[in-house]
N, C-alpha and C. Protein backbone atom coordinates (compact mmCIF):
# COMPACT_ATOMS: atom_id res chain seq x y z
N MET A 1 -24.23 -3.94 -25.18
CA MET A 1 -23.03 -4.34 -25.67
C MET A 1 -22.43 -3.43 -26.80
N GLN A 2 -21.87 -2.54 -27.35
CA GLN A 2 -21.66 -1.95 -28.76
C GLN A 2 -20.47 -3.04 -29.15
N GLU A 3 -21.02 -3.12 -30.45
CA GLU A 3 -19.32 -3.80 -31.34
C GLU A 3 -18.52 -2.80 -31.72
N TYR A 4 -17.79 -3.41 -32.05
CA TYR A 4 -16.81 -2.19 -33.02
C TYR A 4 -16.36 -2.48 -34.09
N ARG A 5 -16.41 -2.71 -35.63
CA ARG A 5 -15.98 -2.84 -36.67
C ARG A 5 -14.65 -2.38 -37.27
N ARG A 6 -13.70 -2.60 -37.54
CA ARG A 6 -12.68 -2.10 -38.53
C ARG A 6 -12.37 -2.79 -39.10
N PRO A 7 -12.16 -2.20 -41.03
CA PRO A 7 -12.08 -3.16 -41.76
C PRO A 7 -10.83 -2.87 -41.93
N ALA A 8 -10.00 -4.36 -42.57
CA ALA A 8 -8.83 -4.25 -42.77
C ALA A 8 -8.15 -5.31 -44.08
N THR A 9 -7.26 -5.34 -44.48
CA THR A 9 -6.38 -5.80 -45.97
C THR A 9 -5.78 -7.27 -45.37
N LEU A 10 -6.26 -7.93 -46.13
CA LEU A 10 -4.68 -9.16 -46.08
C LEU A 10 -4.99 -9.97 -47.26
N GLY A 11 -3.60 -9.23 -47.94
CA GLY A 11 -3.33 -10.23 -49.59
C GLY A 11 -4.78 -9.99 -49.90
N GLY A 12 -4.79 -8.88 -50.33
CA GLY A 12 -6.20 -7.89 -51.02
C GLY A 12 -7.33 -8.40 -50.74
N LEU A 13 -7.24 -8.84 -49.76
CA LEU A 13 -9.13 -9.25 -49.03
C LEU A 13 -9.02 -8.55 -48.51
N VAL A 14 -10.66 -8.03 -47.93
CA VAL A 14 -10.64 -7.16 -47.37
C VAL A 14 -11.52 -8.06 -46.01
N LEU A 15 -11.08 -7.60 -44.72
CA LEU A 15 -11.74 -8.23 -43.59
C LEU A 15 -12.06 -7.53 -42.81
N CYS A 16 -13.42 -7.85 -42.29
CA CYS A 16 -13.77 -6.93 -40.66
C CYS A 16 -13.44 -7.51 -39.48
N ILE A 17 -13.17 -6.82 -39.06
CA ILE A 17 -12.56 -7.40 -37.98
C ILE A 17 -13.66 -6.66 -36.78
N HIS A 18 -13.86 -7.78 -36.04
CA HIS A 18 -15.31 -7.53 -34.85
C HIS A 18 -14.03 -6.84 -33.73
N PHE A 19 -14.27 -6.30 -33.17
CA PHE A 19 -13.85 -5.66 -31.82
C PHE A 19 -15.14 -5.43 -30.39
N ILE A 20 -15.05 -6.18 -29.66
CA ILE A 20 -16.18 -6.25 -28.53
C ILE A 20 -15.39 -5.99 -27.28
N PRO A 21 -16.02 -4.45 -26.55
CA PRO A 21 -14.76 -4.07 -25.47
C PRO A 21 -15.54 -5.29 -24.37
N LEU A 22 -14.06 -5.60 -23.85
CA LEU A 22 -14.40 -6.55 -22.56
C LEU A 22 -15.46 -5.64 -21.69
N ARG A 23 -16.23 -6.12 -20.97
CA ARG A 23 -17.14 -5.84 -19.41
C ARG A 23 -16.44 -5.92 -18.67
N GLU A 24 -16.71 -4.25 -17.96
CA GLU A 24 -16.09 -4.05 -17.02
C GLU A 24 -16.44 -4.97 -16.01
N HIS A 25 -15.23 -5.25 -15.05
CA HIS A 25 -15.38 -6.46 -13.94
C HIS A 25 -15.12 -6.06 -13.14
N ASN A 26 -16.36 -6.09 -12.06
CA ASN A 26 -16.57 -5.94 -10.63
C ASN A 26 -16.29 -6.71 -9.80
N VAL A 27 -15.17 -6.30 -9.14
CA VAL A 27 -13.90 -7.00 -8.60
C VAL A 27 -14.53 -7.35 -6.72
N ALA A 28 -14.69 -8.50 -6.60
CA ALA A 28 -15.85 -8.61 -5.49
C ALA A 28 -14.39 -8.16 -4.35
N THR A 29 -15.29 -7.36 -3.19
CA THR A 29 -14.19 -7.27 -2.14
C THR A 29 -13.53 -8.23 -1.26
N ILE A 30 -12.87 -7.94 -0.50
CA ILE A 30 -12.38 -8.80 0.33
C ILE A 30 -12.00 -8.87 1.70
N PRO A 31 -13.12 -9.08 2.25
CA PRO A 31 -13.00 -8.61 3.85
C PRO A 31 -11.56 -9.23 4.38
N ILE A 32 -11.08 -8.16 5.64
CA ILE A 32 -9.65 -8.74 5.72
C ILE A 32 -9.72 -7.90 7.30
N THR A 33 -9.01 -8.07 8.62
CA THR A 33 -8.97 -6.92 9.52
C THR A 33 -8.02 -6.38 9.10
N LYS A 34 -7.96 -5.29 10.33
CA LYS A 34 -7.06 -4.68 10.14
C LYS A 34 -5.60 -4.42 10.22
N ARG A 35 -5.44 -5.27 11.24
CA ARG A 35 -4.02 -6.61 11.56
C ARG A 35 -3.90 -7.30 10.58
N GLY A 36 -4.75 -8.63 9.52
CA GLY A 36 -4.11 -9.36 8.68
C GLY A 36 -4.05 -7.85 7.35
N ALA A 37 -4.45 -7.14 7.05
CA ALA A 37 -3.69 -6.10 5.86
C ALA A 37 -2.69 -5.76 6.28
N GLU A 38 -2.38 -5.18 7.55
CA GLU A 38 -0.97 -4.86 7.90
C GLU A 38 0.31 -6.09 7.79
N LYS A 39 -0.11 -7.37 8.21
CA LYS A 39 0.72 -8.00 8.00
C LYS A 39 0.96 -8.55 6.60
N LEU A 40 -0.09 -8.41 5.73
CA LEU A 40 0.21 -8.66 4.35
C LEU A 40 1.03 -7.33 3.77
N LYS A 41 0.93 -6.16 4.05
CA LYS A 41 1.29 -5.15 3.65
C LYS A 41 2.86 -5.36 4.06
N ALA A 42 3.48 -5.84 5.23
CA ALA A 42 4.63 -6.18 5.68
C ALA A 42 5.48 -7.40 4.79
N GLU A 43 4.43 -8.67 4.64
CA GLU A 43 5.21 -9.48 3.93
C GLU A 43 5.52 -9.43 2.45
N LEU A 44 4.69 -8.26 1.94
CA LEU A 44 4.77 -7.43 0.52
C LEU A 44 6.05 -6.64 0.62
N HIS A 45 6.61 -5.82 1.54
CA HIS A 45 7.01 -4.90 1.73
C HIS A 45 8.75 -5.76 1.78
N ARG A 46 8.60 -7.12 2.53
CA ARG A 46 9.59 -8.13 2.53
C ARG A 46 10.16 -8.55 1.52
N LEU A 47 8.96 -9.09 0.67
CA LEU A 47 9.13 -9.38 -0.51
C LEU A 47 9.89 -8.30 -1.31
N LYS A 48 9.64 -7.52 -1.86
CA LYS A 48 10.24 -6.41 -2.29
C LYS A 48 11.13 -5.89 -2.13
N THR A 49 11.81 -5.47 -0.64
CA THR A 49 12.57 -5.00 -0.74
C THR A 49 13.80 -6.41 -0.20
N VAL A 50 13.38 -7.38 0.79
CA VAL A 50 14.44 -8.54 1.01
C VAL A 50 14.81 -9.20 -0.11
N ASP A 51 13.51 -10.22 -0.29
CA ASP A 51 13.60 -11.33 -1.10
C ASP A 51 13.91 -10.78 -2.45
N ARG A 52 13.35 -9.98 -3.19
CA ARG A 52 13.72 -10.08 -4.76
C ARG A 52 15.08 -9.44 -4.87
N PRO A 53 15.57 -8.40 -4.11
CA PRO A 53 16.95 -8.15 -4.50
C PRO A 53 17.60 -9.72 -4.40
N TRP A 54 17.35 -10.15 -3.49
CA TRP A 54 18.44 -11.59 -2.67
C TRP A 54 18.30 -12.63 -4.21
N VAL A 55 17.00 -12.86 -4.42
CA VAL A 55 16.93 -13.70 -5.87
C VAL A 55 17.96 -13.14 -6.79
N ILE A 56 17.72 -11.53 -7.31
CA ILE A 56 18.13 -11.12 -8.23
C ILE A 56 19.92 -11.28 -8.29
N ASN A 57 20.46 -10.96 -7.19
CA ASN A 57 21.77 -11.34 -6.84
C ASN A 57 21.71 -12.22 -7.12
N ALA A 58 20.92 -13.64 -6.36
CA ALA A 58 21.66 -15.29 -6.61
C ALA A 58 21.70 -15.55 -8.28
N ILE A 59 20.61 -15.15 -8.76
CA ILE A 59 20.80 -15.68 -10.20
C ILE A 59 21.64 -14.62 -11.10
N ALA A 60 22.13 -13.44 -10.84
CA ALA A 60 23.78 -13.13 -11.16
C ALA A 60 24.68 -13.89 -10.97
N GLU A 61 25.24 -14.43 -9.87
CA GLU A 61 25.72 -15.11 -9.37
C GLU A 61 25.81 -16.34 -10.03
N ALA A 62 24.82 -17.74 -10.20
CA ALA A 62 24.59 -18.47 -11.08
C ALA A 62 24.88 -18.37 -12.81
N ARG A 63 24.81 -16.91 -13.02
CA ARG A 63 25.30 -17.07 -14.46
C ARG A 63 26.50 -16.24 -14.72
N ALA A 64 27.30 -15.89 -13.68
CA ALA A 64 28.59 -15.92 -13.58
C ALA A 64 29.26 -17.26 -13.61
N GLN A 65 29.17 -18.30 -13.26
CA GLN A 65 29.29 -19.57 -13.09
C GLN A 65 29.35 -20.24 -14.37
N GLY A 66 28.56 -19.67 -15.53
CA GLY A 66 29.27 -20.45 -17.10
C GLY A 66 27.89 -20.57 -17.43
N ASP A 67 27.93 -22.24 -17.63
CA ASP A 67 26.86 -22.58 -18.83
C ASP A 67 25.90 -22.74 -17.63
N LEU A 68 24.70 -22.34 -18.44
CA LEU A 68 23.40 -22.12 -17.91
C LEU A 68 22.65 -23.14 -18.27
N SER A 69 22.49 -24.51 -18.34
CA SER A 69 21.82 -25.46 -19.05
C SER A 69 22.11 -26.53 -18.14
N GLU A 70 23.21 -26.41 -17.53
CA GLU A 70 23.46 -27.92 -16.21
C GLU A 70 23.52 -27.15 -14.71
N ASN A 71 23.01 -25.77 -14.97
CA ASN A 71 23.31 -25.09 -13.51
C ASN A 71 21.89 -25.42 -12.56
N ALA A 72 22.43 -25.91 -11.84
CA ALA A 72 21.19 -25.99 -11.16
C ALA A 72 20.64 -24.96 -9.97
N GLU A 73 21.84 -24.28 -9.79
CA GLU A 73 21.91 -23.03 -8.83
C GLU A 73 21.19 -21.98 -9.47
N TYR A 74 21.48 -21.73 -10.62
CA TYR A 74 20.40 -20.77 -11.82
C TYR A 74 18.94 -21.32 -11.72
N ASP A 75 18.67 -22.72 -11.90
CA ASP A 75 17.61 -23.38 -11.98
C ASP A 75 16.53 -23.07 -10.77
N ALA A 76 17.64 -23.25 -9.55
CA ALA A 76 16.62 -22.49 -8.10
C ALA A 76 16.21 -21.60 -7.90
N ALA A 77 17.43 -20.57 -8.39
CA ALA A 77 17.43 -18.88 -8.16
C ALA A 77 15.58 -18.66 -9.29
N LYS A 78 15.69 -19.34 -10.86
CA LYS A 78 14.61 -18.94 -11.39
C LYS A 78 13.41 -19.03 -10.65
N ASP A 79 13.74 -20.46 -10.05
CA ASP A 79 12.34 -21.12 -9.60
C ASP A 79 11.43 -19.90 -8.44
N ARG A 80 12.72 -19.47 -7.44
CA ARG A 80 12.45 -18.77 -6.28
C ARG A 80 12.17 -17.66 -6.86
N GLN A 81 12.52 -16.96 -7.78
CA GLN A 81 12.18 -15.81 -8.33
C GLN A 81 10.75 -16.13 -9.10
N GLY A 82 10.06 -16.81 -9.66
CA GLY A 82 9.15 -17.26 -10.22
C GLY A 82 8.07 -17.28 -8.50
N PHE A 83 8.14 -17.51 -7.71
CA PHE A 83 7.70 -17.85 -6.53
C PHE A 83 7.32 -16.58 -6.31
N ILE A 84 8.17 -15.74 -6.12
CA ILE A 84 8.08 -13.99 -5.20
C ILE A 84 7.42 -13.20 -6.11
N GLU A 85 7.48 -13.31 -7.44
CA GLU A 85 7.24 -12.58 -8.54
C GLU A 85 5.65 -12.88 -8.52
N GLY A 86 5.00 -14.40 -8.33
CA GLY A 86 3.81 -14.69 -8.25
C GLY A 86 2.82 -14.28 -6.96
N ARG A 87 4.08 -14.31 -5.63
CA ARG A 87 3.47 -13.86 -4.49
C ARG A 87 3.20 -12.28 -4.15
N ILE A 88 4.42 -11.74 -4.57
CA ILE A 88 3.92 -10.10 -4.77
C ILE A 88 2.61 -9.94 -5.93
N GLN A 89 1.95 -10.39 -7.15
CA GLN A 89 1.17 -10.01 -7.62
C GLN A 89 0.04 -10.52 -6.97
N GLU A 90 -0.37 -11.56 -6.02
CA GLU A 90 -0.98 -12.26 -5.49
C GLU A 90 -1.29 -11.17 -3.87
N ILE A 91 -0.78 -10.81 -3.65
CA ILE A 91 -1.11 -9.89 -2.27
C ILE A 91 -1.65 -8.54 -2.93
N ASP A 92 -0.93 -8.32 -3.83
CA ASP A 92 -1.21 -6.67 -4.35
C ASP A 92 -2.28 -6.68 -4.78
N GLY A 93 -3.00 -8.19 -5.71
CA GLY A 93 -4.14 -7.69 -6.07
C GLY A 93 -5.20 -8.22 -4.59
N LYS A 94 -5.27 -8.72 -3.81
CA LYS A 94 -5.60 -8.79 -2.62
C LYS A 94 -5.72 -7.88 -1.96
N LEU A 95 -4.84 -6.76 -1.22
CA LEU A 95 -4.83 -5.84 -0.94
C LEU A 95 -5.98 -4.41 -1.71
N SER A 96 -5.62 -5.15 -2.91
CA SER A 96 -6.03 -3.58 -3.75
C SER A 96 -7.98 -4.35 -4.08
N ALA A 97 -7.97 -5.06 -3.44
CA ALA A 97 -9.47 -6.13 -3.48
C ALA A 97 -10.02 -5.69 -1.94
N ALA A 98 -8.95 -5.28 -1.09
CA ALA A 98 -9.14 -5.85 0.11
C ALA A 98 -10.40 -4.34 0.75
N GLN A 99 -11.46 -4.76 1.66
CA GLN A 99 -11.95 -4.04 2.43
C GLN A 99 -11.49 -4.31 3.97
N ILE A 100 -10.98 -3.27 4.59
CA ILE A 100 -9.88 -3.43 6.15
C ILE A 100 -11.25 -2.75 6.71
N ILE A 101 -10.93 -3.86 7.57
CA ILE A 101 -12.16 -3.57 8.87
C ILE A 101 -11.35 -3.71 10.22
N ASP A 102 -11.76 -2.61 11.09
CA ASP A 102 -11.24 -2.64 12.14
C ASP A 102 -12.06 -2.83 13.17
N PRO A 103 -11.63 -4.02 14.16
CA PRO A 103 -13.06 -4.85 14.86
C PRO A 103 -13.29 -3.85 16.05
N ALA A 104 -12.19 -2.91 16.21
CA ALA A 104 -12.52 -2.27 17.37
C ALA A 104 -13.44 -1.04 17.41
N GLU A 105 -13.54 -0.92 15.70
CA GLU A 105 -14.38 0.38 15.55
C GLU A 105 -15.75 -0.07 15.10
N LEU A 106 -15.96 -1.31 15.09
CA LEU A 106 -17.49 -1.88 15.25
C LEU A 106 -18.56 -1.64 15.68
N ASP A 107 -19.52 -0.81 15.33
CA ASP A 107 -20.72 -1.09 16.46
C ASP A 107 -21.64 -1.86 15.86
N ALA A 108 -22.09 -3.30 15.86
CA ALA A 108 -22.74 -4.11 15.39
C ALA A 108 -24.05 -4.58 16.32
N GLY A 109 -24.09 -3.66 17.59
CA GLY A 109 -25.18 -3.88 18.15
C GLY A 109 -25.23 -5.42 18.95
N GLY A 110 -23.77 -6.00 19.28
CA GLY A 110 -24.01 -7.18 19.94
C GLY A 110 -23.94 -8.41 19.05
N LYS A 111 -24.13 -8.26 17.68
CA LYS A 111 -24.02 -9.24 16.75
C LYS A 111 -22.81 -9.73 16.70
N VAL A 112 -22.99 -10.87 15.98
CA VAL A 112 -21.90 -11.54 15.43
C VAL A 112 -21.70 -10.91 13.88
N VAL A 113 -20.47 -10.71 13.65
CA VAL A 113 -20.34 -9.93 12.17
C VAL A 113 -19.01 -10.23 12.03
N PHE A 114 -18.11 -9.99 10.98
CA PHE A 114 -16.92 -10.26 10.28
C PHE A 114 -16.13 -9.50 11.46
N GLY A 115 -14.87 -9.69 11.71
CA GLY A 115 -13.96 -9.24 13.02
C GLY A 115 -14.47 -9.63 14.22
N ALA A 116 -15.55 -9.43 14.60
CA ALA A 116 -16.04 -9.91 16.22
C ALA A 116 -15.36 -11.19 16.81
N THR A 117 -15.57 -11.10 17.88
CA THR A 117 -14.32 -12.17 18.77
C THR A 117 -15.46 -12.71 19.90
N VAL A 118 -15.63 -14.33 19.25
CA VAL A 118 -16.93 -14.62 20.07
C VAL A 118 -16.66 -15.62 20.77
N GLN A 119 -17.37 -15.37 21.93
CA GLN A 119 -17.32 -16.53 23.02
C GLN A 119 -18.14 -17.86 23.09
N LEU A 120 -17.91 -19.07 23.29
CA LEU A 120 -18.46 -19.79 22.81
C LEU A 120 -18.45 -20.81 24.07
N GLU A 121 -19.93 -21.52 23.83
CA GLU A 121 -19.47 -22.78 25.22
C GLU A 121 -20.65 -24.18 24.54
N ASP A 122 -19.74 -25.17 24.14
CA ASP A 122 -20.25 -26.22 23.49
C ASP A 122 -21.46 -27.01 24.38
N GLU A 123 -22.76 -27.17 24.15
CA GLU A 123 -23.77 -27.26 24.51
C GLU A 123 -23.91 -28.77 25.20
N ASP A 124 -23.31 -29.96 24.15
CA ASP A 124 -23.34 -31.38 24.90
C ASP A 124 -21.67 -31.48 26.23
N SER A 125 -20.63 -30.60 26.09
CA SER A 125 -19.30 -30.83 26.60
C SER A 125 -19.64 -29.65 27.55
N GLY A 126 -19.97 -28.61 27.79
CA GLY A 126 -19.50 -27.40 28.51
C GLY A 126 -18.30 -26.84 28.43
N ASP A 127 -17.56 -27.00 27.53
CA ASP A 127 -16.24 -26.97 26.83
C ASP A 127 -16.49 -25.46 26.22
N GLN A 128 -15.61 -23.82 26.99
CA GLN A 128 -15.69 -22.78 25.81
C GLN A 128 -14.53 -22.63 25.60
N VAL A 129 -14.96 -22.01 24.24
CA VAL A 129 -13.91 -21.61 23.32
C VAL A 129 -13.94 -19.74 23.01
N THR A 130 -13.02 -19.72 22.14
CA THR A 130 -13.16 -18.01 22.03
C THR A 130 -12.78 -17.91 20.44
N TYR A 131 -13.34 -17.30 19.58
CA TYR A 131 -13.01 -17.51 18.00
C TYR A 131 -12.95 -16.17 17.87
N GLN A 132 -11.94 -15.23 16.82
CA GLN A 132 -12.08 -14.10 16.36
C GLN A 132 -12.79 -14.74 14.53
N ILE A 133 -13.57 -13.79 14.35
CA ILE A 133 -14.22 -14.27 12.56
C ILE A 133 -12.97 -13.38 11.35
N VAL A 134 -12.18 -14.06 11.13
CA VAL A 134 -11.07 -13.63 10.22
C VAL A 134 -11.42 -13.75 8.44
N GLY A 135 -10.48 -13.19 8.25
CA GLY A 135 -10.33 -13.29 6.14
C GLY A 135 -9.77 -14.53 6.15
N GLU A 136 -9.87 -15.30 5.01
CA GLU A 136 -9.21 -16.57 4.59
C GLU A 136 -7.89 -16.46 4.45
N ASP A 137 -7.08 -15.23 4.60
CA ASP A 137 -5.60 -15.52 4.56
C ASP A 137 -5.22 -15.04 6.31
N GLU A 138 -6.20 -15.09 7.10
CA GLU A 138 -5.98 -14.64 8.75
C GLU A 138 -6.12 -15.84 9.36
N ALA A 139 -7.30 -17.00 8.50
CA ALA A 139 -7.51 -17.96 9.79
C ALA A 139 -6.61 -18.22 10.25
N ASP A 140 -6.40 -19.33 11.34
CA ASP A 140 -5.68 -19.91 11.78
C ASP A 140 -6.41 -20.81 13.34
N ILE A 141 -7.16 -21.76 13.03
CA ILE A 141 -7.83 -22.17 14.13
C ILE A 141 -7.10 -22.47 15.65
N LYS A 142 -5.66 -22.93 15.61
CA LYS A 142 -5.10 -22.98 17.06
C LYS A 142 -4.84 -21.48 17.64
N LEU A 143 -4.79 -20.59 16.42
CA LEU A 143 -4.56 -18.95 17.78
C LEU A 143 -6.10 -18.90 17.40
N GLY A 144 -7.04 -19.09 17.46
CA GLY A 144 -8.67 -18.60 17.63
C GLY A 144 -9.23 -18.20 16.64
N PHE A 145 -8.28 -18.17 15.40
CA PHE A 145 -8.93 -17.15 14.05
C PHE A 145 -9.32 -18.10 13.11
N ILE A 146 -10.72 -18.05 12.74
CA ILE A 146 -11.46 -18.63 11.92
C ILE A 146 -12.19 -17.93 10.98
N ASN A 147 -12.11 -18.61 9.69
CA ASN A 147 -12.52 -17.94 8.13
C ASN A 147 -13.36 -17.23 8.11
N ILE A 148 -13.78 -16.65 7.77
CA ILE A 148 -15.78 -15.93 7.33
C ILE A 148 -16.66 -17.00 6.74
N GLY A 149 -15.77 -17.64 6.00
CA GLY A 149 -16.36 -18.73 5.32
C GLY A 149 -16.14 -20.32 5.70
N SER A 150 -15.53 -20.19 7.13
CA SER A 150 -15.79 -21.34 7.57
C SER A 150 -17.33 -21.99 8.07
N PRO A 151 -17.82 -23.12 8.28
CA PRO A 151 -19.43 -23.88 8.55
C PRO A 151 -19.67 -22.86 10.06
N ILE A 152 -18.73 -23.21 11.12
CA ILE A 152 -19.11 -22.24 12.10
C ILE A 152 -19.13 -20.58 11.88
N ALA A 153 -18.38 -20.22 11.28
CA ALA A 153 -18.39 -18.79 11.18
C ALA A 153 -19.81 -18.60 10.98
N ARG A 154 -20.46 -19.30 9.14
CA ARG A 154 -21.85 -18.59 8.84
C ARG A 154 -22.82 -18.98 9.24
N ALA A 155 -22.87 -20.21 10.54
CA ALA A 155 -23.75 -20.11 11.56
C ALA A 155 -23.43 -19.36 12.37
N LEU A 156 -22.80 -18.72 13.18
CA LEU A 156 -22.62 -17.64 14.50
C LEU A 156 -23.29 -16.26 12.96
N ILE A 157 -22.83 -16.13 12.26
CA ILE A 157 -23.40 -14.75 12.05
C ILE A 157 -24.71 -14.05 12.30
N GLY A 158 -24.77 -13.10 12.97
CA GLY A 158 -26.05 -12.50 12.75
C GLY A 158 -26.91 -12.83 14.23
N LYS A 159 -25.64 -13.89 15.00
CA LYS A 159 -26.49 -14.32 16.12
C LYS A 159 -25.80 -13.16 17.38
N VAL A 160 -26.73 -13.64 18.39
CA VAL A 160 -26.54 -12.46 20.07
C VAL A 160 -26.64 -13.28 21.12
N GLU A 161 -25.79 -12.57 22.00
CA GLU A 161 -25.50 -13.64 23.33
C GLU A 161 -26.86 -14.17 23.38
N GLY A 162 -26.57 -15.84 24.18
CA GLY A 162 -28.02 -16.32 24.04
C GLY A 162 -28.50 -16.91 23.22
N ASP A 163 -27.79 -16.55 21.80
CA ASP A 163 -28.15 -17.42 20.49
C ASP A 163 -27.81 -18.90 20.83
N THR A 164 -28.37 -19.70 20.58
CA THR A 164 -27.37 -21.10 19.47
C THR A 164 -27.37 -21.76 18.51
N ALA A 165 -25.90 -21.55 17.78
CA ALA A 165 -26.12 -21.65 16.68
C ALA A 165 -25.69 -23.36 16.50
N GLU A 166 -25.90 -23.81 15.06
CA GLU A 166 -25.84 -25.05 14.62
C GLU A 166 -25.30 -25.35 13.96
N VAL A 167 -24.20 -26.24 14.30
CA VAL A 167 -22.89 -26.51 13.12
C VAL A 167 -22.54 -27.45 12.66
N GLN A 168 -22.73 -28.11 11.34
CA GLN A 168 -22.82 -29.17 10.52
C GLN A 168 -21.21 -29.37 11.10
N ALA A 169 -20.76 -30.51 11.58
CA ALA A 169 -19.45 -31.30 12.19
C ALA A 169 -19.44 -32.67 11.06
N PRO A 170 -17.67 -32.74 11.48
CA PRO A 170 -17.95 -34.42 10.40
C PRO A 170 -18.58 -35.20 11.90
N GLY A 171 -18.66 -35.17 12.80
CA GLY A 171 -19.32 -35.68 14.08
C GLY A 171 -20.49 -35.55 13.90
N GLY A 172 -21.46 -34.94 12.78
CA GLY A 172 -22.35 -34.86 13.34
C GLY A 172 -22.95 -32.96 13.87
N VAL A 173 -24.18 -32.61 13.80
CA VAL A 173 -24.63 -31.91 14.25
C VAL A 173 -24.10 -31.38 15.92
N ARG A 174 -23.32 -29.91 16.16
CA ARG A 174 -22.42 -29.22 17.13
C ARG A 174 -23.49 -27.94 16.98
N ARG A 175 -23.98 -28.04 18.57
CA ARG A 175 -25.03 -26.70 19.13
C ARG A 175 -23.79 -25.88 19.93
N TYR A 176 -23.63 -24.70 20.04
CA TYR A 176 -22.96 -24.26 20.57
C TYR A 176 -23.68 -22.96 21.30
N GLU A 177 -23.55 -22.72 22.20
CA GLU A 177 -24.18 -21.38 22.73
C GLU A 177 -23.18 -20.05 22.57
N VAL A 178 -23.89 -18.68 22.11
CA VAL A 178 -22.85 -17.68 22.07
C VAL A 178 -23.13 -17.10 23.58
N VAL A 179 -21.92 -16.81 24.13
CA VAL A 179 -21.61 -16.41 25.46
C VAL A 179 -21.26 -15.40 25.25
N ALA A 180 -20.44 -14.74 24.93
CA ALA A 180 -19.94 -13.37 24.82
C ALA A 180 -19.79 -13.11 22.78
N VAL A 181 -19.64 -11.34 22.84
CA VAL A 181 -19.88 -10.94 21.85
C VAL A 181 -18.46 -9.59 21.47
N ASN A 182 -17.59 -9.73 21.33
CA ASN A 182 -16.41 -8.65 21.60
C ASN A 182 -15.92 -8.25 20.27
N TYR A 183 -15.98 -6.80 20.32
CA TYR A 183 -14.89 -5.77 19.29
C TYR A 183 -14.09 -5.59 19.53
N VAL A 184 -12.80 -6.72 19.35
CA VAL A 184 -11.28 -5.52 19.88
C VAL A 184 -10.14 -5.91 18.57
């Protein structure tokens, strides 16, 4: 890394200021399914076109009421504005770093990969469950969407039909047989 020096004066003293260029940050990509990216884009659109104008109007109305120091409506609107702007920045950042994956276009040769829908059978109980491996923002276990970083997803990655995955659960090790792998 190269340093740059620039002389400067301060009250007759000559100072040498060091400028060290920042390293380029390699932003890691965030895997997200096509459906998940569309949901984030829809939320971003709503925040920018509905919520942001609404809160700006609410702030203007609260200001019109006079004294801001004791105006709870103004404080609430400013808090809401902060939340909205923060969420807009968060979604923009996620979408700019997103690697959008359409599971229907995957050809992983029957292996469990990000975006795959996996049918499992619990070897102890015989219960069958179906999960799709998705990104962090899309995960909802009740709907069958599991985060790529979850223990069960990590245990399943790379497996094929007939393989057994061992998952460390709070109640001990659970064994699941991979019954089917689909890319839908």
